Structure formats: C-alpha cells, structure tokens
Amino acid sequence: MAYKTTLKVPAKRLRINLMDAERCLWSKLRLKQINGCQFYRQKPIGNYIVDFYCPNAKLVIEVDGGQHFFDVHIASDKLRDEYMQSLGLKVLRFTNVDVLKNISGVIDYILSIMENTTDTEKIPLVPPFPKWENTPCLKSKEKPINRKDNLLLNRDNGKPQ
C-alpha cells in the first residue's frame, strides 16, 4: 500500500506511544489471533496513519478518543474514510470506551466483518510458500541468521563469539 514516506517516523512514534484502548485492542489483534490474519498497527496509508490495518481482509480499524466527536474531526474522519474506501478498504471505527469496556464485543464485531468478506475481496497472501523456503532474497538454501544470533557475531570475522 503506497504511503507518504514522511509518515514513517511519526508512525513509529505512535507505535511506541499507544493509547490504553489501542494497546488493549492490539493485544487481541497481534500475532495473527484473529482468523490467522496479520494486522499492522499505526500503518501509513496514503497521507494518513491508520490505527490498525489488515491487508488480507482489506480492513482498517480506528480507535477514536473524545476529540473525534467535534465537528472538525467528524469532517476530517469522513474524508479519511472516503479515501480508504476509494482504495477498496473497509473502515471500522470504535470509541475508546467501546474497546476498554467491551473488548469481546469489539472482537466479535471485527470477526463478523472479516467472515462476511468474500474471497474475491481478499488479497492473496504473498509469498505463497513457507518461511525461508524458495525465497528470492536468499542466495542459498541456508536459513538466515536470526537477529539475536546476529548481535553475537564478531563484526571482524563474522563468527560467533
């Protein structure tokens, strides 16, 4: 999904400083807990940063605080939603109170929306092969060194310390 590159740093800052309601919802969305689908938090899309994004379901989830009930924010949220819908994305909005007081209801609603998405609306998962197998970025069939192991490598000779 294309995005404005200047949004990368603000998105990272937002991921570090999640609000309580966002943190609560993220604990239920992360690690493919919902229908085995990958969600991303504070994901730049176009000129916006969305709270949560699931590419497989073409789904954007926004968690709105009290400021979103003022006319200015209602108008900007409407424009934002229209932009997301023009990209073929569904937008779900929940209030902080919804998430904090009724997380199971929020998750049930998200599941119902995802289950009602037709197969033709879903984006196929790429790549269609298991992790580390036949990946074009690997020059050999060896499993790459994981990040923890990489930190233990001596930079001079590349061997574990």
N, C-alpha and C. Protein backbone atom coordinates (compact mmCIF):
# COMPACT_ATOMS: atom_id res chain seq x y z
N MET A 1 0.85 -1.16 0.00
CA MET A 1 0.00 0.00 0.00
C MET A 1 0.90 1.23 0.00
N ALA A 2 0.70 2.12 -0.95
CA ALA A 2 1.52 3.31 -1.07
C ALA A 2 1.23 4.28 0.09
N TYR A 3 2.27 5.00 0.49
CA TYR A 3 2.10 5.98 1.56
C TYR A 3 3.14 7.08 1.43
N LYS A 4 2.87 8.17 2.08
CA LYS A 4 3.78 9.31 2.11
C LYS A 4 4.95 8.94 3.01
N THR A 5 6.16 8.95 2.47
CA THR A 5 7.33 8.47 3.22
C THR A 5 7.63 9.29 4.47
N THR A 6 7.19 10.53 4.50
CA THR A 6 7.45 11.35 5.68
C THR A 6 6.61 10.90 6.88
N LEU A 7 5.68 9.98 6.67
CA LEU A 7 4.85 9.48 7.77
C LEU A 7 5.51 8.32 8.52
N LYS A 8 6.63 7.83 8.03
CA LYS A 8 7.27 6.67 8.64
C LYS A 8 7.70 6.95 10.10
N VAL A 9 8.34 8.07 10.32
CA VAL A 9 8.82 8.42 11.67
C VAL A 9 7.65 8.69 12.62
N PRO A 10 6.65 9.50 12.22
CA PRO A 10 5.51 9.68 13.13
C PRO A 10 4.78 8.38 13.43
N ALA A 11 4.69 7.47 12.45
CA ALA A 11 4.02 6.19 12.69
C ALA A 11 4.78 5.38 13.73
N LYS A 12 6.10 5.40 13.63
CA LYS A 12 6.92 4.67 14.61
C LYS A 12 6.72 5.26 16.00
N ARG A 13 6.65 6.59 16.08
CA ARG A 13 6.43 7.25 17.37
C ARG A 13 5.07 6.86 17.95
N LEU A 14 4.06 6.79 17.09
CA LEU A 14 2.72 6.39 17.55
C LEU A 14 2.70 4.93 18.02
N ARG A 15 3.47 4.06 17.36
CA ARG A 15 3.54 2.65 17.79
C ARG A 15 4.15 2.54 19.18
N ILE A 16 5.10 3.39 19.46
CA ILE A 16 5.76 3.36 20.78
C ILE A 16 4.83 3.90 21.86
N ASN A 17 4.02 4.89 21.52
CA ASN A 17 3.15 5.58 22.49
C ASN A 17 1.68 5.27 22.27
N LEU A 18 1.31 4.00 22.28
CA LEU A 18 -0.09 3.62 22.10
C LEU A 18 -0.94 4.10 23.27
N MET A 19 -2.17 4.51 22.96
CA MET A 19 -3.14 4.85 23.99
C MET A 19 -3.63 3.55 24.63
N ASP A 20 -4.24 3.62 25.81
CA ASP A 20 -4.69 2.43 26.52
C ASP A 20 -5.65 1.59 25.69
N ALA A 21 -6.60 2.23 25.03
CA ALA A 21 -7.56 1.48 24.22
C ALA A 21 -6.88 0.80 23.04
N GLU A 22 -5.94 1.49 22.40
CA GLU A 22 -5.20 0.90 21.28
C GLU A 22 -4.37 -0.30 21.76
N ARG A 23 -3.75 -0.15 22.91
CA ARG A 23 -2.93 -1.23 23.47
C ARG A 23 -3.81 -2.45 23.78
N CYS A 24 -4.99 -2.21 24.31
CA CYS A 24 -5.94 -3.28 24.64
C CYS A 24 -6.36 -4.03 23.37
N LEU A 25 -6.72 -3.28 22.33
CA LEU A 25 -7.13 -3.92 21.07
C LEU A 25 -5.96 -4.62 20.40
N TRP A 26 -4.78 -4.00 20.44
CA TRP A 26 -3.59 -4.61 19.84
C TRP A 26 -3.27 -5.96 20.48
N SER A 27 -3.52 -6.07 21.79
CA SER A 27 -3.24 -7.34 22.47
C SER A 27 -4.11 -8.47 21.92
N LYS A 28 -5.25 -8.12 21.32
CA LYS A 28 -6.15 -9.13 20.75
C LYS A 28 -5.92 -9.35 19.25
N LEU A 29 -5.31 -8.37 18.58
CA LEU A 29 -5.09 -8.46 17.13
C LEU A 29 -3.72 -9.03 16.76
N ARG A 30 -2.74 -8.78 17.61
CA ARG A 30 -1.37 -9.15 17.27
C ARG A 30 -1.18 -10.66 17.19
N LEU A 31 -0.12 -11.06 16.55
CA LEU A 31 0.27 -12.47 16.43
C LEU A 31 -0.79 -13.32 15.72
N LYS A 32 -1.49 -12.73 14.78
CA LYS A 32 -2.47 -13.44 13.94
C LYS A 32 -3.55 -14.15 14.75
N GLN A 33 -4.00 -13.54 15.84
CA GLN A 33 -5.02 -14.15 16.70
C GLN A 33 -6.42 -14.13 16.09
N ILE A 34 -6.66 -13.24 15.13
CA ILE A 34 -7.98 -13.11 14.52
C ILE A 34 -7.95 -13.77 13.15
N ASN A 35 -8.56 -14.93 13.04
CA ASN A 35 -8.65 -15.67 11.77
C ASN A 35 -7.30 -15.91 11.11
N GLY A 36 -6.23 -15.91 11.88
CA GLY A 36 -4.90 -16.13 11.32
C GLY A 36 -4.41 -14.99 10.44
N CYS A 37 -5.03 -13.82 10.56
CA CYS A 37 -4.67 -12.68 9.71
C CYS A 37 -3.69 -11.74 10.41
N GLN A 38 -2.74 -11.25 9.64
CA GLN A 38 -1.74 -10.31 10.14
C GLN A 38 -2.33 -8.90 10.20
N PHE A 39 -2.20 -8.26 11.34
CA PHE A 39 -2.58 -6.87 11.49
C PHE A 39 -1.33 -6.04 11.72
N TYR A 40 -1.35 -4.82 11.27
CA TYR A 40 -0.27 -3.87 11.50
C TYR A 40 -0.85 -2.71 12.29
N ARG A 41 -0.06 -2.15 13.19
CA ARG A 41 -0.55 -1.01 13.97
C ARG A 41 0.15 0.26 13.50
N GLN A 42 -0.58 1.35 13.57
CA GLN A 42 -0.08 2.66 13.16
C GLN A 42 0.59 2.57 11.79
N LYS A 43 -0.19 2.13 10.82
CA LYS A 43 0.29 1.87 9.47
C LYS A 43 0.01 3.07 8.57
N PRO A 44 1.06 3.63 7.93
CA PRO A 44 0.82 4.70 6.96
C PRO A 44 0.13 4.16 5.71
N ILE A 45 -0.92 4.83 5.30
CA ILE A 45 -1.62 4.53 4.05
C ILE A 45 -1.94 5.87 3.41
N GLY A 46 -1.41 6.11 2.22
CA GLY A 46 -1.60 7.40 1.57
C GLY A 46 -1.02 8.51 2.42
N ASN A 47 -1.83 9.52 2.71
CA ASN A 47 -1.41 10.65 3.54
C ASN A 47 -1.83 10.49 4.99
N TYR A 48 -2.23 9.29 5.38
CA TYR A 48 -2.78 9.05 6.71
C TYR A 48 -2.01 7.95 7.43
N ILE A 49 -2.17 7.93 8.74
CA ILE A 49 -1.68 6.82 9.56
C ILE A 49 -2.91 6.20 10.21
N VAL A 50 -3.18 4.94 9.88
CA VAL A 50 -4.35 4.27 10.46
C VAL A 50 -3.93 3.52 11.71
N ASP A 51 -4.86 3.35 12.65
CA ASP A 51 -4.53 2.66 13.90
C ASP A 51 -4.15 1.21 13.65
N PHE A 52 -4.99 0.48 12.91
CA PHE A 52 -4.73 -0.93 12.63
C PHE A 52 -5.12 -1.23 11.19
N TYR A 53 -4.34 -2.10 10.55
CA TYR A 53 -4.58 -2.43 9.15
C TYR A 53 -4.34 -3.92 8.92
N CYS A 54 -5.29 -4.55 8.27
CA CYS A 54 -5.17 -5.96 7.90
C CYS A 54 -5.27 -6.05 6.38
N PRO A 55 -4.13 -6.26 5.69
CA PRO A 55 -4.17 -6.30 4.23
C PRO A 55 -4.98 -7.46 3.67
N ASN A 56 -4.95 -8.61 4.32
CA ASN A 56 -5.66 -9.78 3.82
C ASN A 56 -7.17 -9.56 3.79
N ALA A 57 -7.69 -8.87 4.78
CA ALA A 57 -9.13 -8.59 4.86
C ALA A 57 -9.48 -7.22 4.29
N LYS A 58 -8.47 -6.48 3.82
CA LYS A 58 -8.67 -5.10 3.35
C LYS A 58 -9.46 -4.30 4.38
N LEU A 59 -8.96 -4.34 5.61
CA LEU A 59 -9.68 -3.78 6.74
C LEU A 59 -8.83 -2.77 7.50
N VAL A 60 -9.41 -1.62 7.79
CA VAL A 60 -8.79 -0.58 8.62
C VAL A 60 -9.64 -0.45 9.87
N ILE A 61 -8.98 -0.43 11.02
CA ILE A 61 -9.69 -0.26 12.29
C ILE A 61 -9.15 0.99 12.96
N GLU A 62 -10.06 1.87 13.34
CA GLU A 62 -9.70 3.10 14.04
C GLU A 62 -10.29 3.08 15.44
N VAL A 63 -9.50 3.49 16.41
CA VAL A 63 -9.97 3.63 17.79
C VAL A 63 -9.97 5.13 18.09
N ASP A 64 -11.15 5.67 18.30
CA ASP A 64 -11.31 7.12 18.42
C ASP A 64 -11.51 7.57 19.85
N GLY A 65 -10.76 8.61 20.23
CA GLY A 65 -10.94 9.25 21.52
C GLY A 65 -12.02 10.31 21.44
N GLY A 66 -12.22 11.02 22.52
CA GLY A 66 -13.28 12.02 22.61
C GLY A 66 -13.17 13.16 21.60
N GLN A 67 -11.95 13.49 21.17
CA GLN A 67 -11.78 14.60 20.23
C GLN A 67 -12.44 14.32 18.88
N HIS A 68 -12.71 13.08 18.56
CA HIS A 68 -13.32 12.73 17.28
C HIS A 68 -14.81 13.05 17.23
N PHE A 69 -15.38 13.53 18.32
CA PHE A 69 -16.80 13.86 18.34
C PHE A 69 -17.06 15.33 18.07
N PHE A 70 -15.99 16.12 17.84
CA PHE A 70 -16.14 17.52 17.47
C PHE A 70 -16.30 17.63 15.97
N ASP A 71 -17.04 18.66 15.52
CA ASP A 71 -17.36 18.82 14.10
C ASP A 71 -16.13 18.76 13.19
N VAL A 72 -15.05 19.41 13.60
CA VAL A 72 -13.84 19.44 12.78
C VAL A 72 -13.32 18.02 12.54
N HIS A 73 -13.27 17.24 13.60
CA HIS A 73 -12.76 15.87 13.48
C HIS A 73 -13.74 14.96 12.75
N ILE A 74 -15.01 15.18 12.94
CA ILE A 74 -16.01 14.38 12.23
C ILE A 74 -15.84 14.57 10.73
N ALA A 75 -15.64 15.81 10.30
CA ALA A 75 -15.46 16.11 8.88
C ALA A 75 -14.17 15.49 8.34
N SER A 76 -13.07 15.63 9.09
CA SER A 76 -11.79 15.06 8.61
C SER A 76 -11.82 13.53 8.63
N ASP A 77 -12.51 12.94 9.61
CA ASP A 77 -12.65 11.48 9.64
C ASP A 77 -13.46 10.99 8.45
N LYS A 78 -14.46 11.76 8.05
CA LYS A 78 -15.29 11.38 6.90
C LYS A 78 -14.45 11.38 5.62
N LEU A 79 -13.63 12.42 5.44
CA LEU A 79 -12.73 12.48 4.27
C LEU A 79 -11.74 11.32 4.28
N ARG A 80 -11.20 11.05 5.43
CA ARG A 80 -10.24 9.95 5.59
C ARG A 80 -10.89 8.62 5.25
N ASP A 81 -12.11 8.39 5.77
CA ASP A 81 -12.83 7.14 5.49
C ASP A 81 -13.14 7.01 4.00
N GLU A 82 -13.53 8.12 3.37
CA GLU A 82 -13.82 8.08 1.93
C GLU A 82 -12.57 7.73 1.13
N TYR A 83 -11.42 8.26 1.55
CA TYR A 83 -10.16 7.93 0.88
C TYR A 83 -9.85 6.44 1.03
N MET A 84 -9.99 5.92 2.23
CA MET A 84 -9.72 4.49 2.47
C MET A 84 -10.67 3.63 1.64
N GLN A 85 -11.93 4.02 1.59
CA GLN A 85 -12.91 3.26 0.81
C GLN A 85 -12.60 3.33 -0.68
N SER A 86 -12.02 4.44 -1.15
CA SER A 86 -11.64 4.55 -2.56
C SER A 86 -10.52 3.58 -2.90
N LEU A 87 -9.77 3.14 -1.89
CA LEU A 87 -8.72 2.14 -2.08
C LEU A 87 -9.26 0.72 -1.94
N GLY A 88 -10.56 0.61 -1.69
CA GLY A 88 -11.17 -0.71 -1.52
C GLY A 88 -11.07 -1.25 -0.11
N LEU A 89 -10.78 -0.38 0.85
CA LEU A 89 -10.64 -0.79 2.24
C LEU A 89 -11.94 -0.53 3.01
N LYS A 90 -12.25 -1.43 3.92
CA LYS A 90 -13.37 -1.23 4.84
C LYS A 90 -12.81 -0.53 6.07
N VAL A 91 -13.57 0.39 6.62
CA VAL A 91 -13.14 1.12 7.81
C VAL A 91 -14.12 0.85 8.94
N LEU A 92 -13.58 0.38 10.06
CA LEU A 92 -14.37 0.20 11.28
C LEU A 92 -13.88 1.21 12.30
N ARG A 93 -14.81 1.87 12.95
CA ARG A 93 -14.45 2.83 13.99
C ARG A 93 -15.08 2.41 15.32
N PHE A 94 -14.25 2.44 16.35
CA PHE A 94 -14.70 2.14 17.71
C PHE A 94 -14.24 3.28 18.60
N THR A 95 -15.00 3.55 19.64
CA THR A 95 -14.56 4.55 20.62
C THR A 95 -13.64 3.88 21.63
N ASN A 96 -12.86 4.72 22.31
CA ASN A 96 -12.01 4.20 23.39
C ASN A 96 -12.85 3.44 24.41
N VAL A 97 -14.03 3.97 24.73
CA VAL A 97 -14.91 3.35 25.71
C VAL A 97 -15.36 1.97 25.23
N ASP A 98 -15.74 1.86 23.94
CA ASP A 98 -16.12 0.56 23.39
C ASP A 98 -15.03 -0.48 23.64
N VAL A 99 -13.81 -0.09 23.29
CA VAL A 99 -12.68 -1.02 23.39
C VAL A 99 -12.38 -1.38 24.84
N LEU A 100 -12.34 -0.38 25.71
CA LEU A 100 -11.95 -0.63 27.09
C LEU A 100 -13.03 -1.33 27.91
N LYS A 101 -14.30 -1.07 27.60
CA LYS A 101 -15.40 -1.65 28.38
C LYS A 101 -16.00 -2.91 27.76
N ASN A 102 -15.81 -3.11 26.44
CA ASN A 102 -16.45 -4.23 25.78
C ASN A 102 -15.54 -4.82 24.70
N ILE A 103 -14.34 -5.20 25.08
CA ILE A 103 -13.38 -5.70 24.11
C ILE A 103 -13.88 -6.97 23.41
N SER A 104 -14.60 -7.83 24.13
CA SER A 104 -15.09 -9.06 23.50
C SER A 104 -16.13 -8.73 22.42
N GLY A 105 -16.98 -7.73 22.67
CA GLY A 105 -17.95 -7.31 21.66
C GLY A 105 -17.27 -6.70 20.44
N VAL A 106 -16.20 -5.93 20.67
CA VAL A 106 -15.44 -5.34 19.57
C VAL A 106 -14.81 -6.44 18.72
N ILE A 107 -14.20 -7.42 19.37
CA ILE A 107 -13.56 -8.53 18.64
C ILE A 107 -14.61 -9.33 17.88
N ASP A 108 -15.74 -9.60 18.50
CA ASP A 108 -16.82 -10.34 17.81
C ASP A 108 -17.28 -9.59 16.57
N TYR A 109 -17.39 -8.27 16.67
CA TYR A 109 -17.82 -7.48 15.52
C TYR A 109 -16.77 -7.52 14.40
N ILE A 110 -15.50 -7.39 14.77
CA ILE A 110 -14.42 -7.47 13.78
C ILE A 110 -14.46 -8.84 13.08
N LEU A 111 -14.61 -9.90 13.86
CA LEU A 111 -14.70 -11.25 13.29
C LEU A 111 -15.88 -11.37 12.33
N SER A 112 -17.02 -10.81 12.70
CA SER A 112 -18.20 -10.92 11.83
C SER A 112 -17.96 -10.19 10.51
N ILE A 113 -17.30 -9.05 10.55
CA ILE A 113 -16.98 -8.31 9.33
C ILE A 113 -16.00 -9.10 8.47
N MET A 114 -14.98 -9.68 9.11
CA MET A 114 -13.97 -10.44 8.37
C MET A 114 -14.57 -11.70 7.75
N GLU A 115 -15.47 -12.34 8.45
CA GLU A 115 -16.09 -13.56 7.94
C GLU A 115 -17.04 -13.27 6.79
N ASN A 116 -17.60 -12.06 6.74
CA ASN A 116 -18.51 -11.68 5.66
C ASN A 116 -17.78 -11.13 4.45
N THR A 117 -16.44 -11.07 4.51
CA THR A 117 -15.66 -10.63 3.36
C THR A 117 -15.58 -11.79 2.39
N THR A 118 -15.96 -11.55 1.14
CA THR A 118 -15.91 -12.63 0.14
C THR A 118 -14.47 -12.91 -0.24
N ASP A 119 -14.22 -14.10 -0.76
CA ASP A 119 -12.88 -14.48 -1.16
C ASP A 119 -12.32 -13.56 -2.24
N THR A 120 -13.18 -13.03 -3.11
CA THR A 120 -12.70 -12.15 -4.17
C THR A 120 -12.28 -10.79 -3.62
N GLU A 121 -12.76 -10.43 -2.42
CA GLU A 121 -12.36 -9.16 -1.82
C GLU A 121 -11.03 -9.29 -1.08
N LYS A 122 -10.61 -10.51 -0.79
CA LYS A 122 -9.38 -10.72 -0.04
C LYS A 122 -8.17 -10.63 -0.95
N ILE A 123 -7.10 -10.12 -0.42
CA ILE A 123 -5.84 -10.07 -1.15
C ILE A 123 -5.11 -11.39 -0.86
N PRO A 124 -4.61 -12.09 -1.88
CA PRO A 124 -3.89 -13.33 -1.60
C PRO A 124 -2.62 -13.05 -0.82
N LEU A 125 -2.27 -13.98 0.05
CA LEU A 125 -1.05 -13.83 0.82
C LEU A 125 0.15 -14.04 -0.09
N VAL A 126 1.13 -13.18 0.01
CA VAL A 126 2.35 -13.29 -0.78
C VAL A 126 3.49 -13.28 0.21
N PRO A 127 4.46 -14.12 0.09
CA PRO A 127 4.62 -15.18 -0.87
C PRO A 127 3.83 -16.42 -0.45
N PRO A 128 3.47 -17.27 -1.40
CA PRO A 128 2.65 -18.44 -1.08
C PRO A 128 3.45 -19.65 -0.61
N PHE A 129 4.66 -19.42 -0.11
CA PHE A 129 5.48 -20.54 0.34
C PHE A 129 5.88 -20.33 1.80
N PRO A 130 6.27 -21.43 2.48
CA PRO A 130 6.65 -21.32 3.88
C PRO A 130 7.88 -20.43 4.07
N LYS A 131 8.00 -19.89 5.25
CA LYS A 131 9.11 -19.02 5.59
C LYS A 131 10.44 -19.72 5.32
N TRP A 132 11.36 -19.03 4.74
CA TRP A 132 12.73 -19.43 4.44
C TRP A 132 12.85 -20.39 3.25
N GLU A 133 11.77 -20.87 2.68
CA GLU A 133 11.87 -21.79 1.56
C GLU A 133 11.68 -21.06 0.25
N ASN A 134 12.59 -21.24 -0.66
CA ASN A 134 12.50 -20.69 -2.01
C ASN A 134 12.27 -19.18 -2.05
N THR A 135 12.73 -18.48 -1.04
CA THR A 135 12.54 -17.04 -1.04
C THR A 135 13.55 -16.43 -2.00
N PRO A 136 13.12 -15.53 -2.87
CA PRO A 136 14.00 -14.97 -3.86
C PRO A 136 15.16 -14.17 -3.27
N CYS A 137 15.02 -13.71 -2.02
CA CYS A 137 16.07 -12.89 -1.44
C CYS A 137 17.24 -13.72 -0.92
N LEU A 138 17.05 -15.04 -0.79
CA LEU A 138 18.12 -15.89 -0.29
C LEU A 138 18.92 -16.47 -1.45
N LYS A 139 20.27 -16.40 -1.35
CA LYS A 139 21.11 -16.94 -2.40
C LYS A 139 21.41 -18.41 -2.18
N SER A 140 21.26 -18.87 -0.96
CA SER A 140 21.48 -20.29 -0.67
C SER A 140 20.26 -20.81 0.07
N LYS A 141 20.24 -22.12 0.30
CA LYS A 141 19.09 -22.71 0.99
C LYS A 141 19.27 -22.69 2.50
N GLU A 142 20.34 -22.05 2.98
CA GLU A 142 20.56 -21.97 4.42
C GLU A 142 19.57 -21.01 5.05
N LYS A 143 19.16 -21.35 6.24
CA LYS A 143 18.27 -20.47 7.00
C LYS A 143 19.10 -19.25 7.43
N PRO A 144 18.59 -18.03 7.22
CA PRO A 144 19.35 -16.85 7.61
C PRO A 144 19.56 -16.79 9.12
N ILE A 145 20.60 -16.10 9.51
CA ILE A 145 20.88 -15.92 10.94
C ILE A 145 19.82 -15.01 11.51
N ASN A 146 19.26 -15.41 12.66
CA ASN A 146 18.24 -14.55 13.24
C ASN A 146 18.89 -13.35 13.92
N ARG A 147 18.08 -12.39 14.26
CA ARG A 147 18.59 -11.12 14.77
C ARG A 147 19.39 -11.29 16.06
N LYS A 148 18.94 -12.17 16.95
CA LYS A 148 19.65 -12.37 18.21
C LYS A 148 21.04 -12.93 17.95
N ASP A 149 21.13 -13.93 17.04
CA ASP A 149 22.42 -14.50 16.70
C ASP A 149 23.32 -13.46 16.05
N ASN A 150 22.74 -12.62 15.24
CA ASN A 150 23.49 -11.61 14.52
C ASN A 150 24.17 -10.65 15.48
N LEU A 151 23.53 -10.36 16.61
CA LEU A 151 24.11 -9.45 17.59
C LEU A 151 25.34 -10.06 18.26
N LEU A 152 25.43 -11.39 18.25
CA LEU A 152 26.54 -12.07 18.87
C LEU A 152 27.73 -12.27 17.93
N LEU A 153 27.55 -11.92 16.67
CA LEU A 153 28.63 -12.11 15.71
C LEU A 153 29.70 -11.05 15.88
N ASN A 154 30.94 -11.49 15.76
CA ASN A 154 32.05 -10.58 15.76
C ASN A 154 32.09 -9.92 14.39
N ARG A 155 32.07 -8.63 14.32
CA ARG A 155 31.98 -7.93 13.03
C ARG A 155 33.24 -8.14 12.18
N ASP A 156 34.38 -8.46 12.80
CA ASP A 156 35.62 -8.62 12.03
C ASP A 156 35.62 -9.91 11.22
N ASN A 157 35.20 -11.03 11.83
CA ASN A 157 35.31 -12.29 11.11
C ASN A 157 33.97 -12.98 10.89
N GLY A 158 32.88 -12.44 11.40
CA GLY A 158 31.56 -12.98 11.17
C GLY A 158 31.28 -14.30 11.88
N LYS A 159 32.12 -14.70 12.80
CA LYS A 159 31.91 -15.95 13.53
C LYS A 159 31.36 -15.65 14.91
N PRO A 160 30.55 -16.56 15.45
CA PRO A 160 30.00 -16.33 16.81
C PRO A 160 31.11 -16.21 17.83
N GLN A 161 30.87 -15.34 18.80
CA GLN A 161 31.88 -15.14 19.86
C GLN A 161 31.80 -16.22 20.90
